[in-house]
Amino acid sequence: GATDYIDADLHDPGTVLREASRTLDLTQPVALTLMQ
């Protein structure tokens, strides 16, 4: 598998998705977790 960490702000979802796409294939299902 793979594990990555990105330094990004929840208030900027565009940047979150763009940076996450370096590790995740956003054409395939993803589980988004938002805990507290």
PDB file of all heavy atoms in Angstrom:
ATOM      1  N   GLY A   1       0.809  -1.213   0.000  1.00  0.00           N
ATOM      2  CA  GLY A   1       0.000   0.000   0.000  1.00  0.00           C
ATOM      3  C   GLY A   1       0.843   1.264   0.000  1.00  0.00           C
ATOM      4  O   GLY A   1       2.012   1.248  -0.382  1.00  0.00           O
ATOM      5  N   ALA A   2       0.222   2.357   0.435  1.00  0.00           N
ATOM      6  CA  ALA A   2       0.925   3.639   0.500  1.00  0.00           C
ATOM      7  C   ALA A   2       0.277   4.504   1.567  1.00  0.00           C
ATOM      8  O   ALA A   2      -0.935   4.432   1.801  1.00  0.00           O
ATOM      9  CB  ALA A   2       0.875   4.353  -0.845  1.00  0.00           C
ATOM     10  N   THR A   3       1.093   5.315   2.221  1.00  0.00           N
ATOM     11  CA  THR A   3       0.606   6.287   3.194  1.00  0.00           C
ATOM     12  C   THR A   3       1.340   7.593   2.950  1.00  0.00           C
ATOM     13  O   THR A   3       2.556   7.615   2.786  1.00  0.00           O
ATOM     14  CB  THR A   3       0.864   5.824   4.639  1.00  0.00           C
ATOM     15  OG1 THR A   3       0.296   4.535   4.837  1.00  0.00           O
ATOM     16  CG2 THR A   3       0.250   6.785   5.637  1.00  0.00           C
ATOM     17  N   ASP A   4       0.580   8.694   2.904  1.00  0.00           N
ATOM     18  CA  ASP A   4       1.197   9.999   2.672  1.00  0.00           C
ATOM     19  C   ASP A   4       0.544  11.020   3.582  1.00  0.00           C
ATOM     20  O   ASP A   4      -0.550  10.804   4.115  1.00  0.00           O
ATOM     21  CB  ASP A   4       1.032  10.414   1.206  1.00  0.00           C
ATOM     22  CG  ASP A   4       2.015  11.509   0.798  1.00  0.00           C
ATOM     23  OD1 ASP A   4       2.878  11.872   1.626  1.00  0.00           O
ATOM     24  OD2 ASP A   4       1.919  11.994  -0.342  1.00  0.00           O
ATOM     25  N   TYR A   5       1.253  12.120   3.790  1.00  0.00           N
ATOM     26  CA  TYR A   5       0.752  13.232   4.585  1.00  0.00           C
ATOM     27  C   TYR A   5       0.903  14.493   3.766  1.00  0.00           C
ATOM     28  O   TYR A   5       1.961  14.734   3.180  1.00  0.00           O
ATOM     29  CB  TYR A   5       1.561  13.360   5.891  1.00  0.00           C
ATOM     30  CG  TYR A   5       1.228  14.624   6.652  1.00  0.00           C
ATOM     31  CD1 TYR A   5       0.203  14.636   7.594  1.00  0.00           C
ATOM     32  CD2 TYR A   5       1.916  15.806   6.403  1.00  0.00           C
ATOM     33  CE1 TYR A   5      -0.113  15.796   8.266  1.00  0.00           C
ATOM     34  CE2 TYR A   5       1.604  16.970   7.074  1.00  0.00           C
ATOM     35  CZ  TYR A   5       0.592  16.970   8.005  1.00  0.00           C
ATOM     36  OH  TYR A   5       0.267  18.119   8.670  1.00  0.00           O
ATOM     37  N   ILE A   6      -0.170  15.296   3.695  1.00  0.00           N
ATOM     38  CA  ILE A   6      -0.058  16.578   2.990  1.00  0.00           C
ATOM     39  C   ILE A   6      -0.408  17.712   3.944  1.00  0.00           C
ATOM     40  O   ILE A   6      -1.316  17.596   4.771  1.00  0.00           O
ATOM     41  CB  ILE A   6      -0.931  16.625   1.715  1.00  0.00           C
ATOM     42  CG1 ILE A   6      -2.407  16.428   2.024  1.00  0.00           C
ATOM     43  CG2 ILE A   6      -0.462  15.594   0.717  1.00  0.00           C
ATOM     44  CD1 ILE A   6      -3.295  16.562   0.790  1.00  0.00           C
ATOM     45  N   ASP A   7       0.347  18.769   3.821  1.00  0.00           N
ATOM     46  CA  ASP A   7       0.147  19.966   4.626  1.00  0.00           C
ATOM     47  C   ASP A   7      -0.821  20.863   3.860  1.00  0.00           C
ATOM     48  O   ASP A   7      -0.431  21.561   2.919  1.00  0.00           O
ATOM     49  CB  ASP A   7       1.495  20.659   4.846  1.00  0.00           C
ATOM     50  CG  ASP A   7       1.398  21.875   5.752  1.00  0.00           C
ATOM     51  OD1 ASP A   7       0.302  22.138   6.276  1.00  0.00           O
ATOM     52  OD2 ASP A   7       2.425  22.566   5.934  1.00  0.00           O
ATOM     53  N   ALA A   8      -2.093  20.814   4.207  1.00  0.00           N
ATOM     54  CA  ALA A   8      -3.118  21.578   3.498  1.00  0.00           C
ATOM     55  C   ALA A   8      -4.238  21.926   4.472  1.00  0.00           C
ATOM     56  O   ALA A   8      -4.347  21.348   5.554  1.00  0.00           O
ATOM     57  CB  ALA A   8      -3.657  20.783   2.306  1.00  0.00           C
ATOM     58  N   ASP A   9      -5.068  22.883   4.063  1.00  0.00           N
ATOM     59  CA  ASP A   9      -6.107  23.437   4.919  1.00  0.00           C
ATOM     60  C   ASP A   9      -7.474  22.956   4.466  1.00  0.00           C
ATOM     61  O   ASP A   9      -7.806  23.020   3.273  1.00  0.00           O
ATOM     62  CB  ASP A   9      -6.044  24.972   4.853  1.00  0.00           C
ATOM     63  CG  ASP A   9      -6.860  25.642   5.941  1.00  0.00           C
ATOM     64  OD1 ASP A   9      -7.921  25.116   6.305  1.00  0.00           O
ATOM     65  OD2 ASP A   9      -6.447  26.721   6.409  1.00  0.00           O
ATOM     66  N   LEU A  10      -8.296  22.499   5.412  1.00  0.00           N
ATOM     67  CA  LEU A  10      -9.662  22.071   5.118  1.00  0.00           C
ATOM     68  C   LEU A  10     -10.443  23.152   4.385  1.00  0.00           C
ATOM     69  O   LEU A  10     -11.325  22.845   3.576  1.00  0.00           O
ATOM     70  CB  LEU A  10     -10.361  21.701   6.431  1.00  0.00           C
ATOM     71  CG  LEU A  10     -11.850  21.345   6.388  1.00  0.00           C
ATOM     72  CD1 LEU A  10     -12.093  20.132   5.498  1.00  0.00           C
ATOM     73  CD2 LEU A  10     -12.365  21.081   7.803  1.00  0.00           C
ATOM     74  N   HIS A  11     -10.124  24.412   4.648  1.00  0.00           N
ATOM     75  CA  HIS A  11     -10.840  25.513   4.002  1.00  0.00           C
ATOM     76  C   HIS A  11     -10.536  25.610   2.502  1.00  0.00           C
ATOM     77  O   HIS A  11     -11.182  26.382   1.803  1.00  0.00           O
ATOM     78  CB  HIS A  11     -10.478  26.847   4.661  1.00  0.00           C
ATOM     79  CG  HIS A  11     -11.002  26.989   6.064  1.00  0.00           C
ATOM     80  ND1 HIS A  11     -10.375  26.409   7.144  1.00  0.00           N
ATOM     81  CD2 HIS A  11     -12.090  27.639   6.554  1.00  0.00           C
ATOM     82  CE1 HIS A  11     -11.047  26.709   8.247  1.00  0.00           C
ATOM     83  NE2 HIS A  11     -12.088  27.446   7.915  1.00  0.00           N
ATOM     84  N   ASP A  12      -9.563  24.850   2.019  1.00  0.00           N
ATOM     85  CA  ASP A  12      -9.158  24.898   0.615  1.00  0.00           C
ATOM     86  C   ASP A  12      -9.292  23.511  -0.002  1.00  0.00           C
ATOM     87  O   ASP A  12      -8.303  22.824  -0.233  1.00  0.00           O
ATOM     88  CB  ASP A  12      -7.707  25.399   0.524  1.00  0.00           C
ATOM     89  CG  ASP A  12      -7.251  25.635  -0.904  1.00  0.00           C
ATOM     90  OD1 ASP A  12      -8.058  25.442  -1.832  1.00  0.00           O
ATOM     91  OD2 ASP A  12      -6.072  26.013  -1.091  1.00  0.00           O
ATOM     92  N   PRO A  13     -10.532  23.072  -0.267  1.00  0.00           N
ATOM     93  CA  PRO A  13     -10.731  21.702  -0.754  1.00  0.00           C
ATOM     94  C   PRO A  13     -10.070  21.436  -2.093  1.00  0.00           C
ATOM     95  O   PRO A  13      -9.668  20.298  -2.372  1.00  0.00           O
ATOM     96  CB  PRO A  13     -12.253  21.574  -0.841  1.00  0.00           C
ATOM     97  CG  PRO A  13     -12.770  22.973  -0.897  1.00  0.00           C
ATOM     98  CD  PRO A  13     -11.808  23.785  -0.086  1.00  0.00           C
ATOM     99  N   GLY A  14      -9.932  22.464  -2.943  1.00  0.00           N
ATOM    100  CA  GLY A  14      -9.276  22.263  -4.231  1.00  0.00           C
ATOM    101  C   GLY A  14      -7.841  21.810  -4.070  1.00  0.00           C
ATOM    102  O   GLY A  14      -7.392  20.873  -4.741  1.00  0.00           O
ATOM    103  N   THR A  15      -7.115  22.474  -3.175  1.00  0.00           N
ATOM    104  CA  THR A  15      -5.725  22.094  -2.925  1.00  0.00           C
ATOM    105  C   THR A  15      -5.649  20.711  -2.286  1.00  0.00           C
ATOM    106  O   THR A  15      -4.785  19.896  -2.638  1.00  0.00           O
ATOM    107  CB  THR A  15      -5.041  23.129  -2.021  1.00  0.00           C
ATOM    108  OG1 THR A  15      -4.997  24.380  -2.707  1.00  0.00           O
ATOM    109  CG2 THR A  15      -3.628  22.700  -1.652  1.00  0.00           C
ATOM    110  N   VAL A  16      -6.559  20.428  -1.357  1.00  0.00           N
ATOM    111  CA  VAL A  16      -6.577  19.106  -0.722  1.00  0.00           C
ATOM    112  C   VAL A  16      -6.710  18.011  -1.774  1.00  0.00           C
ATOM    113  O   VAL A  16      -5.947  17.040  -1.797  1.00  0.00           O
ATOM    114  CB  VAL A  16      -7.728  19.012   0.306  1.00  0.00           C
ATOM    115  CG1 VAL A  16      -7.911  17.569   0.764  1.00  0.00           C
ATOM    116  CG2 VAL A  16      -7.456  19.919   1.499  1.00  0.00           C
ATOM    117  N   LEU A  17      -7.681  18.171  -2.680  1.00  0.00           N
ATOM    118  CA  LEU A  17      -7.907  17.148  -3.699  1.00  0.00           C
ATOM    119  C   LEU A  17      -6.736  17.045  -4.668  1.00  0.00           C
ATOM    120  O   LEU A  17      -6.325  15.944  -5.048  1.00  0.00           O
ATOM    121  CB  LEU A  17      -9.205  17.443  -4.447  1.00  0.00           C
ATOM    122  CG  LEU A  17     -10.486  17.278  -3.627  1.00  0.00           C
ATOM    123  CD1 LEU A  17     -11.672  17.876  -4.371  1.00  0.00           C
ATOM    124  CD2 LEU A  17     -10.743  15.809  -3.297  1.00  0.00           C
ATOM    125  N   ARG A  18      -6.196  18.187  -5.067  1.00  0.00           N
ATOM    126  CA  ARG A  18      -5.075  18.164  -6.009  1.00  0.00           C
ATOM    127  C   ARG A  18      -3.865  17.462  -5.406  1.00  0.00           C
ATOM    128  O   ARG A  18      -3.236  16.617  -6.054  1.00  0.00           O
ATOM    129  CB  ARG A  18      -4.707  19.599  -6.408  1.00  0.00           C
ATOM    130  CG  ARG A  18      -3.593  19.651  -7.470  1.00  0.00           C
ATOM    131  CD  ARG A  18      -3.238  21.067  -7.849  1.00  0.00           C
ATOM    132  NE  ARG A  18      -2.631  21.820  -6.761  1.00  0.00           N
ATOM    133  CZ  ARG A  18      -3.231  22.806  -6.111  1.00  0.00           C
ATOM    134  NH1 ARG A  18      -4.476  23.166  -6.418  1.00  0.00           N
ATOM    135  NH2 ARG A  18      -2.603  23.443  -5.139  1.00  0.00           N
ATOM    136  N   GLU A  19      -3.541  17.789  -4.160  1.00  0.00           N
ATOM    137  CA  GLU A  19      -2.382  17.168  -3.530  1.00  0.00           C
ATOM    138  C   GLU A  19      -2.635  15.687  -3.220  1.00  0.00           C
ATOM    139  O   GLU A  19      -1.734  14.856  -3.350  1.00  0.00           O
ATOM    140  CB  GLU A  19      -2.025  17.931  -2.247  1.00  0.00           C
ATOM    141  CG  GLU A  19      -1.525  19.347  -2.487  1.00  0.00           C
ATOM    142  CD  GLU A  19      -0.272  19.379  -3.329  1.00  0.00           C
ATOM    143  OE1 GLU A  19       0.661  18.605  -3.046  1.00  0.00           O
ATOM    144  OE2 GLU A  19      -0.221  20.172  -4.289  1.00  0.00           O
ATOM    145  N   ALA A  20      -3.868  15.367  -2.834  1.00  0.00           N
ATOM    146  CA  ALA A  20      -4.186  13.970  -2.539  1.00  0.00           C
ATOM    147  C   ALA A  20      -4.074  13.099  -3.780  1.00  0.00           C
ATOM    148  O   ALA A  20      -3.743  11.900  -3.689  1.00  0.00           O
ATOM    149  CB  ALA A  20      -5.593  13.866  -1.955  1.00  0.00           C
ATOM    150  N   SER A  21      -4.328  13.700  -4.943  1.00  0.00           N
ATOM    151  CA  SER A  21      -4.296  12.919  -6.189  1.00  0.00           C
ATOM    152  C   SER A  21      -2.897  12.426  -6.535  1.00  0.00           C
ATOM    153  O   SER A  21      -2.738  11.584  -7.418  1.00  0.00           O
ATOM    154  CB  SER A  21      -4.853  13.760  -7.344  1.00  0.00           C
ATOM    155  OG  SER A  21      -3.978  14.826  -7.685  1.00  0.00           O
ATOM    156  N   ARG A  22      -1.871  12.925  -5.841  1.00  0.00           N
ATOM    157  CA  ARG A  22      -0.518  12.422  -6.075  1.00  0.00           C
ATOM    158  C   ARG A  22      -0.368  10.987  -5.557  1.00  0.00           C
ATOM    159  O   ARG A  22       0.487  10.239  -6.018  1.00  0.00           O
ATOM    160  CB  ARG A  22       0.507  13.330  -5.379  1.00  0.00           C
ATOM    161  CG  ARG A  22       0.517  14.771  -5.874  1.00  0.00           C
ATOM    162  CD  ARG A  22       1.471  15.611  -5.031  1.00  0.00           C
ATOM    163  NE  ARG A  22       1.408  17.016  -5.363  1.00  0.00           N
ATOM    164  CZ  ARG A  22       2.146  17.617  -6.299  1.00  0.00           C
ATOM    165  NH1 ARG A  22       3.029  16.894  -6.975  1.00  0.00           N
ATOM    166  NH2 ARG A  22       2.029  18.907  -6.541  1.00  0.00           N
ATOM    167  N   THR A  23      -1.206  10.629  -4.573  1.00  0.00           N
ATOM    168  CA  THR A  23      -1.145   9.291  -3.980  1.00  0.00           C
ATOM    169  C   THR A  23      -2.393   8.471  -4.279  1.00  0.00           C
ATOM    170  O   THR A  23      -2.307   7.246  -4.455  1.00  0.00           O
ATOM    171  CB  THR A  23      -0.964   9.403  -2.450  1.00  0.00           C
ATOM    172  OG1 THR A  23       0.254  10.119  -2.174  1.00  0.00           O
ATOM    173  CG2 THR A  23      -0.890   8.036  -1.790  1.00  0.00           C
ATOM    174  N   LEU A  24      -3.542   9.134  -4.337  1.00  0.00           N
ATOM    175  CA  LEU A  24      -4.817   8.457  -4.558  1.00  0.00           C
ATOM    176  C   LEU A  24      -5.251   8.591  -6.008  1.00  0.00           C
ATOM    177  O   LEU A  24      -4.999   9.620  -6.649  1.00  0.00           O
ATOM    178  CB  LEU A  24      -5.901   9.041  -3.650  1.00  0.00           C
ATOM    179  CG  LEU A  24      -5.607   9.091  -2.151  1.00  0.00           C
ATOM    180  CD1 LEU A  24      -6.786   9.704  -1.407  1.00  0.00           C
ATOM    181  CD2 LEU A  24      -5.283   7.705  -1.602  1.00  0.00           C
ATOM    182  N   ASP A  25      -5.918   7.585  -6.519  1.00  0.00           N
ATOM    183  CA  ASP A  25      -6.527   7.626  -7.846  1.00  0.00           C
ATOM    184  C   ASP A  25      -7.960   8.118  -7.672  1.00  0.00           C
ATOM    185  O   ASP A  25      -8.837   7.362  -7.243  1.00  0.00           O
ATOM    186  CB  ASP A  25      -6.502   6.233  -8.476  1.00  0.00           C
ATOM    187  CG  ASP A  25      -7.166   6.192  -9.847  1.00  0.00           C
ATOM    188  OD1 ASP A  25      -7.694   7.226 -10.301  1.00  0.00           O
ATOM    189  OD2 ASP A  25      -7.167   5.108 -10.457  1.00  0.00           O
ATOM    190  N   LEU A  26      -8.195   9.388  -7.997  1.00  0.00           N
ATOM    191  CA  LEU A  26      -9.500   9.981  -7.743  1.00  0.00           C
ATOM    192  C   LEU A  26     -10.539   9.589  -8.785  1.00  0.00           C
ATOM    193  O   LEU A  26     -11.656  10.122  -8.769  1.00  0.00           O
ATOM    194  CB  LEU A  26      -9.384  11.504  -7.643  1.00  0.00           C
ATOM    195  CG  LEU A  26      -8.466  12.022  -6.524  1.00  0.00           C
ATOM    196  CD1 LEU A  26      -8.594  13.531  -6.377  1.00  0.00           C
ATOM    197  CD2 LEU A  26      -8.749  11.322  -5.203  1.00  0.00           C
ATOM    198  N   THR A  27     -10.204   8.649  -9.671  1.00  0.00           N
ATOM    199  CA  THR A  27     -11.221   8.066 -10.542  1.00  0.00           C
ATOM    200  C   THR A  27     -11.810   6.806  -9.908  1.00  0.00           C
ATOM    201  O   THR A  27     -12.756   6.228 -10.435  1.00  0.00           O
ATOM    202  CB  THR A  27     -10.649   7.706 -11.927  1.00  0.00           C
ATOM    203  OG1 THR A  27      -9.728   6.617 -11.798  1.00  0.00           O
ATOM    204  CG2 THR A  27      -9.945   8.898 -12.554  1.00  0.00           C
ATOM    205  N   GLN A  28     -11.223   6.382  -8.773  1.00  0.00           N
ATOM    206  CA  GLN A  28     -11.684   5.203  -8.056  1.00  0.00           C
ATOM    207  C   GLN A  28     -12.210   5.621  -6.676  1.00  0.00           C
ATOM    208  O   GLN A  28     -11.806   6.651  -6.127  1.00  0.00           O
ATOM    209  CB  GLN A  28     -10.542   4.195  -7.900  1.00  0.00           C
ATOM    210  CG  GLN A  28      -9.997   3.671  -9.221  1.00  0.00           C
ATOM    211  CD  GLN A  28     -11.051   2.916 -10.015  1.00  0.00           C
ATOM    212  OE1 GLN A  28     -11.779   2.087  -9.465  1.00  0.00           O
ATOM    213  NE2 GLN A  28     -11.154   3.218 -11.313  1.00  0.00           N
ATOM    214  N   PRO A  29     -13.127   4.837  -6.082  1.00  0.00           N
ATOM    215  CA  PRO A  29     -13.743   5.248  -4.814  1.00  0.00           C
ATOM    216  C   PRO A  29     -12.732   5.577  -3.719  1.00  0.00           C
ATOM    217  O   PRO A  29     -11.700   4.923  -3.578  1.00  0.00           O
ATOM    218  CB  PRO A  29     -14.601   4.033  -4.441  1.00  0.00           C
ATOM    219  CG  PRO A  29     -14.946   3.412  -5.759  1.00  0.00           C
ATOM    220  CD  PRO A  29     -13.718   3.584  -6.600  1.00  0.00           C
ATOM    221  N   VAL A  30     -13.078   6.602  -2.962  1.00  0.00           N
ATOM    222  CA  VAL A  30     -12.265   7.070  -1.841  1.00  0.00           C
ATOM    223  C   VAL A  30     -13.192   7.241  -0.643  1.00  0.00           C
ATOM    224  O   VAL A  30     -14.321   7.724  -0.791  1.00  0.00           O
ATOM    225  CB  VAL A  30     -11.588   8.413  -2.159  1.00  0.00           C
ATOM    226  CG1 VAL A  30     -10.839   8.960  -0.940  1.00  0.00           C
ATOM    227  CG2 VAL A  30     -10.646   8.284  -3.352  1.00  0.00           C
ATOM    228  N   ALA A  31     -12.730   6.877   0.541  1.00  0.00           N
ATOM    229  CA  ALA A  31     -13.469   7.153   1.770  1.00  0.00           C
ATOM    230  C   ALA A  31     -12.891   8.414   2.399  1.00  0.00           C
ATOM    231  O   ALA A  31     -11.704   8.461   2.750  1.00  0.00           O
ATOM    232  CB  ALA A  31     -13.372   5.984   2.735  1.00  0.00           C
ATOM    233  N   LEU A  32     -13.717   9.446   2.517  1.00  0.00           N
ATOM    234  CA  LEU A  32     -13.340  10.701   3.151  1.00  0.00           C
ATOM    235  C   LEU A  32     -13.738  10.626   4.624  1.00  0.00           C
ATOM    236  O   LEU A  32     -14.905  10.367   4.943  1.00  0.00           O
ATOM    237  CB  LEU A  32     -14.062  11.860   2.466  1.00  0.00           C
ATOM    238  CG  LEU A  32     -13.983  13.232   3.146  1.00  0.00           C
ATOM    239  CD1 LEU A  32     -12.562  13.763   3.144  1.00  0.00           C
ATOM    240  CD2 LEU A  32     -14.936  14.216   2.453  1.00  0.00           C
ATOM    241  N   THR A  33     -12.794  10.829   5.525  1.00  0.00           N
ATOM    242  CA  THR A  33     -13.101  10.806   6.950  1.00  0.00           C
ATOM    243  C   THR A  33     -12.890  12.190   7.549  1.00  0.00           C
ATOM    244  O   THR A  33     -11.847  12.816   7.359  1.00  0.00           O
ATOM    245  CB  THR A  33     -12.248   9.768   7.712  1.00  0.00           C
ATOM    246  OG1 THR A  33     -10.878  10.165   7.709  1.00  0.00           O
ATOM    247  CG2 THR A  33     -12.374   8.390   7.080  1.00  0.00           C
ATOM    248  N   LEU A  34     -13.910  12.650   8.274  1.00  0.00           N
ATOM    249  CA  LEU A  34     -13.891  13.947   8.962  1.00  0.00           C
ATOM    250  C   LEU A  34     -14.378  13.698  10.386  1.00  0.00           C
ATOM    251  O   LEU A  34     -15.578  13.587  10.631  1.00  0.00           O
ATOM    252  CB  LEU A  34     -14.797  14.955   8.254  1.00  0.00           C
ATOM    253  CG  LEU A  34     -14.405  15.363   6.836  1.00  0.00           C
ATOM    254  CD1 LEU A  34     -15.552  16.087   6.151  1.00  0.00           C
ATOM    255  CD2 LEU A  34     -13.161  16.255   6.866  1.00  0.00           C
ATOM    256  N   MET A  35     -13.457  13.610  11.313  1.00  0.00           N
ATOM    257  CA  MET A  35     -13.784  13.262  12.687  1.00  0.00           C
ATOM    258  C   MET A  35     -13.543  14.448  13.615  1.00  0.00           C
ATOM    259  O   MET A  35     -12.401  14.837  13.852  1.00  0.00           O
ATOM    260  CB  MET A  35     -12.941  12.060  13.146  1.00  0.00           C
ATOM    261  CG  MET A  35     -13.083  10.825  12.259  1.00  0.00           C
ATOM    262  SD  MET A  35     -14.725  10.100  12.420  1.00  0.00           S
ATOM    263  CE  MET A  35     -14.813   9.123  10.913  1.00  0.00           C
ATOM    264  N   GLN A  36     -14.629  15.051  14.093  1.00  0.00           N
ATOM    265  CA  GLN A  36     -14.530  16.159  15.035  1.00  0.00           C
ATOM    266  C   GLN A  36     -13.681  17.303  14.475  1.00  0.00           C
ATOM    267  O   GLN A  36     -12.830  17.864  15.158  1.00  0.00           O
ATOM    268  CB  GLN A  36     -13.963  15.673  16.377  1.00  0.00           C
ATOM    269  CG  GLN A  36     -14.887  14.751  17.146  1.00  0.00           C
ATOM    270  CD  GLN A  36     -16.023  15.461  17.859  1.00  0.00           C
ATOM    271  OE1 GLN A  36     -15.842  16.569  18.365  1.00  0.00           O
ATOM    272  NE2 GLN A  36     -17.191  14.832  17.899  1.00  0.00           N
TER     273      GLN A  36
END
